[in-house]
């Protein structure tokens, strides 16, 4: 989960300072010192850290904070608001032409995931906005770049336009746009050439494309692991091109993610999308307020709902909700949900979005990469055992039979029982949290009523 280490450090600093009931200037100084160190360790640009600490400290020393009877909530709100301001307050929507086809151009350095994210954004906008996208292979320099884009297009069933590389980039794009117009595509995404380093040749070609075709969006793809050098890359591109937004890739796993807190503040360019996994459907809109929630350990219930409702139909959700409430959740349900979780991402990452149980989730050991091994155990169960998990949990002989039948070590059936119990327990907690995460209401929540957020006493 992104910012996990940063989240731990900041929350520890806040708890340490606010656990005394009332705040004084020394408490604020100690808290700001800890937060400053945690931000720098997360690769946040030092200018951003300096200004963030100065503004936060000034407000924290205000009379309203020092005399508050609930300094904890006051400080959390203060830090939350400042984090959100750093990242841009609100998400920045993508821009389309009102008529005809829209043209997006993706630019960036080699290795940032540019070609992959051409496919990701096409798939995302096809689902979200019902677009009919065409991908243009305009990277004629990198070996196999065109083949890579065609492979991505085949996986997504999205058409890729390519042409004789001897025609040159401008002519290829021109022919591709003509093809898009005649075949009623309403979105064209251009995959441009990248380089290992920003150079004049690369920039001149991109400037020519921009001047001739006037893309509606020029999106810069940045690797979140680039660290503080990402600001230099963004600045170099932005001096030559009209960069309308960034796509931040690899913002998952152990990524420090400091660039997400630095980009908007230093360059005024919004982060529009984040890549949160290797799969072609693992792209999200960047929401500064939701990211601030995650950093402060509040979870992100809106994103949780959106991820779940993409995979679970309303009728199925209602059936699951009934099973959670009655305690009838069984191995058939367990493995059906694991399959869906594989499509969404990691179990830890998904349930880590839920407020209040992040720490418990970090202790869970459900590794979806080992699903095939777990599936072998499931296949060796009888129908009765799948429907009644207690039969396995209470019987050594049944565990031994399943182990032999699956060809897996005996310890793995014990691990499976433990994982099942953990998931069942977490689902009960989710169900008990109320309407916010009632699985029977997941598909309505984001459409019919606003999400309940943590409230702060002012």
Protein backbone atom coordinates (compact mmCIF):
# COMPACT_ATOMS: atom_id res chain seq x y z
CA UNK A 1 0.00 0.00 0.00
CA UNK A 2 1.44 3.44 -0.94
CA UNK A 3 2.68 5.67 1.88
CA UNK A 4 2.40 2.87 4.45
CA UNK A 5 5.65 3.77 6.20
CA UNK A 6 4.92 7.50 5.94
CA UNK A 7 1.45 6.94 7.38
CA UNK A 8 2.86 5.04 10.35
CA UNK A 9 5.44 7.73 11.13
CA UNK A 10 3.06 10.69 10.84
CA UNK A 11 0.36 9.04 12.93
CA UNK A 12 2.90 8.07 15.57
CA UNK A 13 4.12 11.70 15.74
CA UNK A 14 0.56 13.02 16.08
CA UNK A 15 -0.39 10.48 18.75
CA UNK A 16 2.74 11.21 20.74
CA UNK A 17 2.09 14.96 20.73
CA UNK A 18 -1.66 14.91 21.27
CA UNK A 19 -1.84 12.17 23.88
CA UNK A 20 -1.23 14.66 26.66
CA UNK A 21 -4.67 16.27 26.58
CA UNK A 22 -3.41 19.80 25.88
CA UNK A 23 -0.70 21.04 23.49
CA UNK A 24 2.11 23.48 24.19
CA UNK A 25 4.78 24.89 21.87
CA UNK A 26 7.29 22.18 22.79
CA UNK A 27 4.76 19.47 21.89
CA UNK A 28 4.20 21.08 18.50
CA UNK A 29 7.95 21.38 17.88
CA UNK A 30 8.47 17.69 18.63
CA UNK A 31 5.60 16.66 16.39
CA UNK A 32 6.80 18.83 13.49
CA UNK A 33 10.32 17.43 13.81
CA UNK A 34 9.02 13.86 13.50
CA UNK A 35 6.76 14.73 10.57
CA UNK A 36 9.61 16.54 8.82
CA UNK A 37 11.86 13.49 9.10
CA UNK A 38 9.11 11.15 7.88
CA UNK A 39 8.42 13.33 4.83
CA UNK A 40 12.08 13.54 3.88
CA UNK A 41 12.46 9.77 4.26
CA UNK A 42 9.49 9.36 1.91
CA UNK A 43 11.42 11.32 -0.76
CA UNK A 44 9.25 14.42 -0.56
CA UNK A 45 11.11 17.39 -2.05
CA UNK A 46 12.88 19.40 0.65
CA UNK A 47 11.26 22.69 -0.48
CA UNK A 48 7.84 21.11 -0.10
CA UNK A 49 8.78 19.76 3.33
CA UNK A 50 10.11 23.13 4.46
CA UNK A 51 6.98 25.02 3.43
CA UNK A 52 4.61 22.32 4.69
CA UNK A 53 6.22 22.27 8.14
CA UNK A 54 6.28 26.07 8.36
CA UNK A 55 2.59 26.46 7.48
CA UNK A 56 1.45 23.56 9.62
CA UNK A 57 3.47 24.71 12.63
CA UNK A 58 2.15 28.27 12.35
CA UNK A 59 -1.45 27.05 12.37
CA UNK A 60 -0.79 24.46 15.09
CA UNK A 61 0.54 27.18 17.39
CA UNK A 62 -2.62 29.18 16.92
CA UNK A 63 -4.77 29.87 19.96
CA UNK A 64 -7.59 27.69 18.61
CA UNK A 65 -5.39 24.61 18.61
CA UNK A 66 -3.51 25.17 21.87
CA UNK A 67 -6.71 25.80 23.84
CA UNK A 68 -8.76 23.07 22.20
CA UNK A 69 -10.13 20.35 24.45
CA UNK A 70 -9.66 17.89 21.54
CA UNK A 71 -6.15 18.67 20.22
CA UNK A 72 -5.90 15.25 18.57
CA UNK A 73 -8.80 15.87 16.20
CA UNK A 74 -7.70 19.45 15.60
CA UNK A 75 -4.16 18.45 14.66
CA UNK A 76 -5.30 15.58 12.44
CA UNK A 77 -7.63 17.95 10.58
CA UNK A 78 -4.87 20.51 10.25
CA UNK A 79 -2.34 18.03 8.83
CA UNK A 80 -5.03 16.50 6.60
CA UNK A 81 -5.94 19.89 5.11
CA UNK A 82 -2.30 20.80 4.47
CA UNK A 83 -1.58 17.45 2.80
CA UNK A 84 -4.64 17.88 0.60
CA UNK A 85 -3.54 21.39 -0.37
CA UNK A 86 -0.09 20.11 -1.33
CA UNK A 87 -1.62 17.60 -3.73
CA UNK A 88 -4.13 19.96 -5.29
CA UNK A 89 -7.32 20.01 -3.18
CA UNK A 90 -9.47 18.09 -5.71
CA UNK A 91 -9.05 15.74 -8.65
CA UNK A 92 -8.59 17.36 -12.07
CA UNK A 93 -10.91 15.95 -14.72
CA UNK A 94 -9.77 14.86 -18.17
CA UNK A 95 -10.72 17.15 -21.08
CA UNK A 96 -12.53 15.97 -24.21
CA UNK A 97 -13.54 17.79 -27.36
CA UNK A 98 -17.26 18.50 -27.50
CA UNK A 99 -17.46 17.21 -31.06
CA UNK A 100 -15.40 14.76 -33.09
CA UNK A 101 -12.51 12.81 -31.63
CA UNK A 102 -10.27 13.88 -28.76
CA UNK A 103 -6.50 13.46 -29.00
CA UNK A 104 -4.33 12.52 -26.03
CA UNK A 105 -0.55 12.34 -26.23
CA UNK A 106 1.45 10.40 -23.64
CA UNK A 107 5.08 11.44 -23.15
CA UNK A 108 7.84 10.41 -20.78
CA UNK A 109 11.19 8.74 -20.30
CA UNK A 110 11.88 5.12 -21.14
CA UNK A 111 11.10 2.74 -18.31
CA UNK A 112 8.33 4.84 -16.76
CA UNK A 113 5.60 2.59 -18.17
CA UNK A 114 4.41 4.95 -20.93
CA UNK A 115 3.35 2.34 -23.50
CA UNK A 116 1.63 0.22 -20.87
CA UNK A 117 -0.30 3.24 -19.62
CA UNK A 118 -1.44 4.09 -23.13
CA UNK A 119 -3.36 0.82 -22.89
CA UNK A 120 -4.40 1.42 -19.28
CA UNK A 121 -5.91 4.83 -19.88
CA UNK A 122 -7.67 3.61 -23.04
CA UNK A 123 -9.26 0.75 -21.10
CA UNK A 124 -10.16 3.01 -18.18
CA UNK A 125 -11.86 5.64 -20.35
CA UNK A 126 -13.61 3.02 -22.44
CA UNK A 127 -15.24 1.66 -19.28
CA UNK A 128 -15.77 4.93 -17.41
CA UNK A 129 -16.80 7.26 -20.22
CA UNK A 130 -17.92 4.74 -22.88
CA UNK A 131 -15.23 5.92 -25.29
CA UNK A 132 -14.19 4.14 -28.48
CA UNK A 133 -10.38 4.53 -28.38
CA UNK A 134 -7.76 4.10 -31.09
CA UNK A 135 -4.09 3.74 -30.14
CA UNK A 136 -1.45 5.17 -32.48
CA UNK A 137 2.01 3.56 -32.38
CA UNK A 138 4.27 6.60 -32.86
CA UNK A 139 7.34 5.28 -31.04
CA UNK A 140 9.36 4.17 -34.08
CA UNK A 141 12.75 4.17 -32.35
CA UNK A 142 12.57 1.76 -29.42
CA UNK A 143 12.93 -1.86 -30.50
CA UNK A 144 9.64 -3.75 -30.20
CA UNK A 145 7.69 -0.68 -29.00
CA UNK A 146 5.12 -1.09 -31.78
CA UNK A 147 4.81 -4.83 -31.11
CA UNK A 148 4.35 -4.13 -27.40
CA UNK A 149 1.50 -1.71 -28.08
CA UNK A 150 -0.13 -4.17 -30.49
CA UNK A 151 0.07 -6.90 -27.85
CA UNK A 152 -1.58 -4.61 -25.30
CA UNK A 153 -4.25 -3.72 -27.83
CA UNK A 154 -4.96 -7.40 -28.48
CA UNK A 155 -5.30 -8.09 -24.76
CA UNK A 156 -7.81 -5.28 -24.37
CA UNK A 157 -9.51 -5.74 -27.73
CA UNK A 158 -8.62 -2.12 -28.59
CA UNK A 159 -7.44 -1.29 -32.12
CA UNK A 160 -3.87 -0.12 -32.68
CA UNK A 161 -2.90 1.94 -35.74
CA UNK A 162 0.65 1.51 -37.04
CA UNK A 163 2.27 2.39 -40.35
CA UNK A 164 5.57 2.13 -42.20
CA UNK A 165 8.18 3.66 -39.90
CA UNK A 166 9.95 5.16 -42.94
CA UNK A 167 7.08 7.64 -43.25
CA UNK A 168 8.21 9.34 -40.06
CA UNK A 169 6.32 10.13 -36.89
CA UNK A 170 4.30 13.12 -38.11
CA UNK A 171 3.00 11.31 -41.20
CA UNK A 172 2.14 8.19 -39.17
CA UNK A 173 0.09 10.26 -36.70
CA UNK A 174 -1.60 12.15 -39.54
CA UNK A 175 -2.61 8.88 -41.20
CA UNK A 176 -3.78 7.51 -37.86
CA UNK A 177 -6.00 10.53 -37.21
CA UNK A 178 -7.51 10.23 -40.67
CA UNK A 179 -8.23 6.57 -39.96
CA UNK A 180 -9.83 7.49 -36.62
CA UNK A 181 -12.05 10.07 -38.29
CA UNK A 182 -13.24 7.74 -41.05
CA UNK A 183 -13.92 4.89 -38.61
CA UNK A 184 -15.84 6.90 -36.00
CA UNK A 185 -13.35 6.64 -33.12
CA UNK A 186 -13.96 9.34 -30.50
CA UNK A 187 -10.64 9.09 -28.65
CA UNK A 188 -7.12 8.79 -30.06
CA UNK A 189 -4.18 8.10 -27.75
CA UNK A 190 -0.69 8.59 -29.18
CA UNK A 191 2.24 6.58 -27.84
CA UNK A 192 5.34 8.74 -28.38
CA UNK A 193 9.02 7.90 -28.17
CA UNK A 194 10.85 8.11 -24.86
CA UNK A 195 14.53 8.42 -24.04
CA UNK A 196 16.66 7.43 -21.08
CA UNK A 197 17.36 11.13 -20.53
CA UNK A 198 15.63 14.30 -21.63
CA UNK A 199 17.32 15.53 -24.81
CA UNK A 200 16.79 18.12 -27.51
CA UNK A 201 16.00 15.59 -30.26
CA UNK A 202 13.18 14.08 -28.21
CA UNK A 203 11.76 17.47 -27.29
CA UNK A 204 11.89 18.82 -30.83
CA UNK A 205 9.87 15.87 -32.12
CA UNK A 206 7.26 16.24 -29.35
CA UNK A 207 7.00 20.00 -29.99
CA UNK A 208 6.38 19.29 -33.68
CA UNK A 209 3.60 16.82 -32.79
CA UNK A 210 2.03 19.32 -30.40
CA UNK A 211 2.19 22.22 -32.88
CA UNK A 212 0.71 20.21 -35.74
CA UNK A 213 -1.99 18.15 -34.00
CA UNK A 214 -2.84 20.21 -30.88
CA UNK A 215 -3.63 17.35 -28.46
CA UNK A 216 -6.43 17.93 -25.96
CA UNK A 217 -4.35 16.30 -23.25
CA UNK A 218 -0.58 15.94 -23.03
CA UNK A 219 0.02 13.57 -20.14
CA UNK A 220 3.49 13.03 -18.70
CA UNK A 221 4.08 9.51 -17.37
CA UNK A 222 6.34 9.55 -14.30
CA UNK A 223 7.70 6.59 -12.33
CA UNK A 224 6.91 7.17 -8.64
CA UNK A 225 10.21 5.48 -7.77
CA UNK A 226 12.15 8.23 -9.60
CA UNK A 227 12.18 10.21 -6.37
CA UNK A 228 13.02 13.90 -6.25
CA UNK A 229 14.53 13.83 -9.75
CA UNK A 230 10.95 13.51 -11.03
CA UNK A 231 10.55 17.27 -10.49
CA UNK A 232 13.48 17.93 -12.82
CA UNK A 233 11.96 15.65 -15.47
CA UNK A 234 8.55 17.34 -15.21
CA UNK A 235 10.11 20.80 -15.39
CA UNK A 236 12.18 19.86 -18.46
CA UNK A 237 9.11 18.57 -20.32
CA UNK A 238 6.90 21.45 -19.21
CA UNK A 239 9.28 24.13 -20.50
CA UNK A 240 8.83 22.78 -24.04
CA UNK A 241 5.32 21.33 -23.99
CA UNK A 242 1.94 22.24 -22.54
CA UNK A 243 1.76 19.41 -20.04
CA UNK A 244 -1.85 19.13 -18.86
CA UNK A 245 -1.32 16.46 -16.24
CA UNK A 246 0.76 13.58 -14.92
CA UNK A 247 0.20 9.86 -14.68
CA UNK A 248 2.14 8.57 -11.69
CA UNK A 249 3.07 4.90 -12.11
CA UNK A 250 4.11 2.20 -9.63
CA UNK A 251 2.32 3.91 -6.74
CA UNK A 252 1.85 0.61 -4.96
CA UNK A 253 3.83 -1.86 -2.89
CA UNK A 254 6.82 -0.37 -1.09
CA UNK A 255 7.02 2.82 -3.17
CA UNK A 256 7.91 5.83 -1.01
CA UNK A 257 5.62 7.97 -3.15
CA UNK A 258 7.06 11.33 -2.10
CA UNK A 259 6.76 12.64 -5.65
CA UNK A 260 2.95 12.56 -5.26
CA UNK A 261 3.27 15.16 -2.50
CA UNK A 262 5.72 17.30 -4.49
CA UNK A 263 4.50 17.49 -8.09
CA UNK A 264 1.51 19.81 -7.84
CA UNK A 265 3.08 22.14 -5.29
CA UNK A 266 6.32 22.69 -7.23
CA UNK A 267 5.11 22.53 -10.84
CA UNK A 268 1.39 23.44 -10.63
CA UNK A 269 0.73 20.40 -12.86
CA UNK A 270 -1.98 18.09 -11.52
CA UNK A 271 -1.63 14.34 -11.09
CA UNK A 272 -4.62 13.00 -13.02
CA UNK A 273 -4.12 9.24 -12.75
CA UNK A 274 -2.08 6.78 -10.71
CA UNK A 275 -0.96 3.30 -11.71
CA UNK A 276 -1.44 0.93 -8.78
CA UNK A 277 -0.35 -2.40 -10.23
CA UNK A 278 0.96 -4.20 -13.29
CA UNK A 279 -2.40 -5.30 -14.70
CA UNK A 280 -3.98 -3.26 -17.48
CA UNK A 281 -7.06 -2.43 -15.39
CA UNK A 282 -5.07 -1.13 -12.41
CA UNK A 283 -5.39 2.59 -13.01
CA UNK A 284 -7.15 5.07 -10.71
CA UNK A 285 -8.14 8.71 -10.79
CA UNK A 286 -5.93 10.64 -8.37
CA UNK A 287 -7.99 12.18 -5.57
CA UNK A 288 -5.90 14.41 -3.23
CA UNK A 289 -8.47 14.23 -0.43
CA UNK A 290 -8.63 10.43 -0.56
CA UNK A 291 -4.84 10.19 -0.60
CA UNK A 292 -4.63 12.46 2.44
CA UNK A 293 -7.13 10.13 4.15
CA UNK A 294 -4.91 7.12 3.41
CA UNK A 295 -1.77 8.85 4.66
CA UNK A 296 -3.46 9.69 7.96
CA UNK A 297 -4.78 6.16 8.42
CA UNK A 298 -8.44 7.08 7.79
CA UNK A 299 -8.74 4.58 4.97
CA UNK A 300 -10.48 5.37 1.71
CA UNK A 301 -13.98 3.98 1.78
CA UNK A 302 -15.02 5.64 -1.50
CA UNK A 303 -12.24 3.90 -3.44
CA UNK A 304 -13.05 0.66 -1.63
CA UNK A 305 -16.65 0.84 -2.83
CA UNK A 306 -15.61 1.69 -6.38
CA UNK A 307 -13.24 -1.24 -6.57
CA UNK A 308 -15.76 -3.68 -5.15
CA UNK A 309 -18.67 -2.58 -7.30
CA UNK A 310 -16.57 -3.07 -10.43
CA UNK A 311 -16.40 -6.78 -9.61
CA UNK A 312 -19.59 -7.57 -7.67
CA UNK A 313 -23.10 -7.19 -9.04
CA UNK A 314 -25.81 -5.81 -6.73
CA UNK A 315 -27.68 -9.13 -6.49
CA UNK A 316 -24.49 -10.99 -5.62
CA UNK A 317 -23.61 -8.34 -3.03
CA UNK A 318 -26.98 -8.76 -1.36
CA UNK A 319 -26.48 -12.53 -1.16
CA UNK A 320 -23.02 -12.05 0.35
CA UNK A 321 -24.36 -9.56 2.89
CA UNK A 322 -26.95 -12.09 4.02
CA UNK A 323 -24.25 -14.74 4.44
CA UNK A 324 -22.02 -12.40 6.43
CA UNK A 325 -24.90 -11.60 8.74
CA UNK A 326 -25.93 -15.23 9.24
CA UNK A 327 -22.41 -16.64 9.54
CA UNK A 328 -22.95 -18.97 6.56
CA UNK A 329 -19.92 -17.73 4.60
CA UNK A 330 -18.21 -20.92 3.34
CA UNK A 331 -15.26 -22.10 1.22
CA UNK A 332 -17.28 -21.73 -2.00
CA UNK A 333 -17.81 -18.05 -1.18
CA UNK A 334 -14.22 -17.68 -0.01
CA UNK A 335 -12.71 -18.91 -3.27
CA UNK A 336 -15.22 -17.02 -5.40
CA UNK A 337 -14.18 -13.79 -3.68
CA UNK A 338 -10.47 -14.58 -3.90
CA UNK A 339 -10.88 -14.83 -7.68
CA UNK A 340 -12.45 -11.39 -7.74
CA UNK A 341 -9.80 -9.99 -5.42
CA UNK A 342 -7.12 -11.21 -7.84
CA UNK A 343 -8.72 -8.99 -10.47
CA UNK A 344 -8.87 -5.99 -8.14
CA UNK A 345 -5.42 -6.28 -6.54
CA UNK A 346 -4.03 -7.52 -3.27
CA UNK A 347 -6.28 -8.39 -0.33
CA UNK A 348 -4.07 -6.31 1.90
CA UNK A 349 -4.29 -3.31 -0.39
CA UNK A 350 -8.04 -3.61 -0.83
CA UNK A 351 -9.06 -4.01 2.81
CA UNK A 352 -6.40 -1.49 3.82
CA UNK A 353 -8.74 1.14 2.34
CA UNK A 354 -11.26 0.51 5.12
CA UNK A 355 -11.00 2.97 8.04
CA UNK A 356 -9.91 1.58 11.37
CA UNK A 357 -8.62 -1.86 10.39
CA UNK A 358 -5.44 -0.97 8.50
CA UNK A 359 -3.14 -2.28 11.21
CA UNK A 360 -5.00 -5.59 11.41
CA UNK A 361 -4.82 -5.98 7.64
CA UNK A 362 -1.03 -5.60 7.66
CA UNK A 363 -0.89 -8.71 9.82
CA UNK A 364 -2.97 -10.77 7.42
CA UNK A 365 -1.26 -13.36 5.27
CA UNK A 366 -3.52 -13.86 2.27
CA UNK A 367 -1.19 -14.02 -0.72
CA UNK A 368 -3.26 -14.17 -3.90
CA UNK A 369 -0.16 -15.12 -5.87
CA UNK A 370 -0.38 -18.52 -4.18
CA UNK A 371 -3.99 -18.97 -5.19
CA UNK A 372 -3.23 -21.94 -7.48
CA UNK A 373 -1.81 -23.83 -4.50
CA UNK A 374 -4.85 -22.97 -2.43
CA UNK A 375 -7.10 -23.98 -5.32
CA UNK A 376 -5.57 -27.47 -5.25
CA UNK A 377 -6.67 -27.79 -1.62
CA UNK A 378 -10.16 -26.60 -2.49
CA UNK A 379 -10.41 -29.11 -5.34
CA UNK A 380 -9.64 -31.94 -2.88
CA UNK A 381 -12.49 -31.02 -0.54
CA UNK A 382 -15.86 -32.75 -0.68
CA UNK A 383 -19.00 -30.73 -1.41
CA UNK A 384 -20.01 -31.04 2.23
CA UNK A 385 -16.64 -29.74 3.43
CA UNK A 386 -16.82 -26.71 1.13
CA UNK A 387 -20.26 -25.85 2.49
CA UNK A 388 -19.38 -26.54 6.13
CA UNK A 389 -15.88 -25.24 7.02
CA UNK A 390 -16.22 -26.58 10.59
CA UNK A 391 -15.89 -30.14 9.27
CA UNK A 392 -12.31 -29.46 8.20
CA UNK A 393 -11.33 -27.20 11.09
CA UNK A 394 -12.23 -29.88 13.66
CA UNK A 395 -10.87 -32.99 11.88
CA UNK A 396 -7.22 -33.99 11.54
CA UNK A 397 -8.14 -36.94 9.31
CA UNK A 398 -9.97 -34.71 6.84
CA UNK A 399 -6.99 -32.35 6.71
CA UNK A 400 -4.65 -35.31 6.05
CA UNK A 401 -6.91 -36.58 3.25
CA UNK A 402 -7.08 -33.14 1.61
CA UNK A 403 -3.31 -32.77 1.89
CA UNK A 404 -2.71 -36.13 0.19
CA UNK A 405 -5.31 -35.51 -2.50
CA UNK A 406 -3.95 -32.08 -3.41
CA UNK A 407 -0.28 -33.00 -3.22
CA UNK A 408 0.29 -30.07 -0.89
CA UNK A 409 2.02 -30.17 2.56
CA UNK A 410 -0.23 -30.69 5.58
CA UNK A 411 0.75 -27.27 6.98
CA UNK A 412 -0.89 -25.59 3.97
CA UNK A 413 -4.35 -26.90 4.84
CA UNK A 414 -3.88 -25.47 8.35
CA UNK A 415 -2.83 -22.17 6.77
CA UNK A 416 -5.89 -22.20 4.54
CA UNK A 417 -8.19 -22.74 7.52
CA UNK A 418 -6.49 -19.84 9.30
CA UNK A 419 -6.78 -17.57 6.25
CA UNK A 420 -10.44 -18.44 5.86
CA UNK A 421 -11.13 -17.61 9.51
CA UNK A 422 -9.27 -14.29 9.16
CA UNK A 423 -11.25 -13.28 6.10
CA UNK A 424 -14.55 -14.31 7.69
CA UNK A 425 -13.70 -12.29 10.78
CA UNK A 426 -12.79 -9.22 8.73
CA UNK A 427 -15.98 -9.49 6.70
CA UNK A 428 -18.00 -9.57 9.93
CA UNK A 429 -16.23 -6.39 11.02
CA UNK A 430 -16.99 -4.72 7.71
CA UNK A 431 -20.63 -5.73 7.89
CA UNK A 432 -20.86 -4.42 11.45
CA UNK A 433 -19.54 -1.00 10.47
CA UNK A 434 -22.93 0.03 9.14
CA UNK A 435 -24.30 1.30 5.86
CA UNK A 436 -20.96 2.70 4.72
CA UNK A 437 -19.62 -0.76 3.93
CA UNK A 438 -22.71 -2.96 3.93
CA UNK A 439 -22.00 -5.20 0.93
CA UNK A 440 -25.69 -5.19 -0.04
CA UNK A 441 -25.48 -1.44 -0.58
CA UNK A 442 -22.10 -1.17 -2.27
CA UNK A 443 -23.49 -0.55 -5.74
CA UNK A 444 -25.79 2.24 -4.61
CA UNK A 445 -23.51 4.08 -2.21
CA UNK A 446 -21.32 6.01 -4.61
CA UNK A 447 -24.30 6.93 -6.80
CA UNK A 448 -27.12 7.84 -4.44
CA UNK A 449 -25.58 9.37 -1.35
CA UNK A 450 -22.29 10.92 -0.23
CA UNK A 451 -19.81 8.84 1.74
CA UNK A 452 -19.56 9.48 5.44
CA UNK A 453 -16.19 10.96 6.29
CA UNK A 454 -14.45 11.18 9.60
CA UNK A 455 -15.69 14.28 11.39
CA UNK A 456 -13.50 16.70 13.30
CA UNK A 457 -14.41 18.84 16.25
CA UNK A 458 -13.55 22.47 15.55
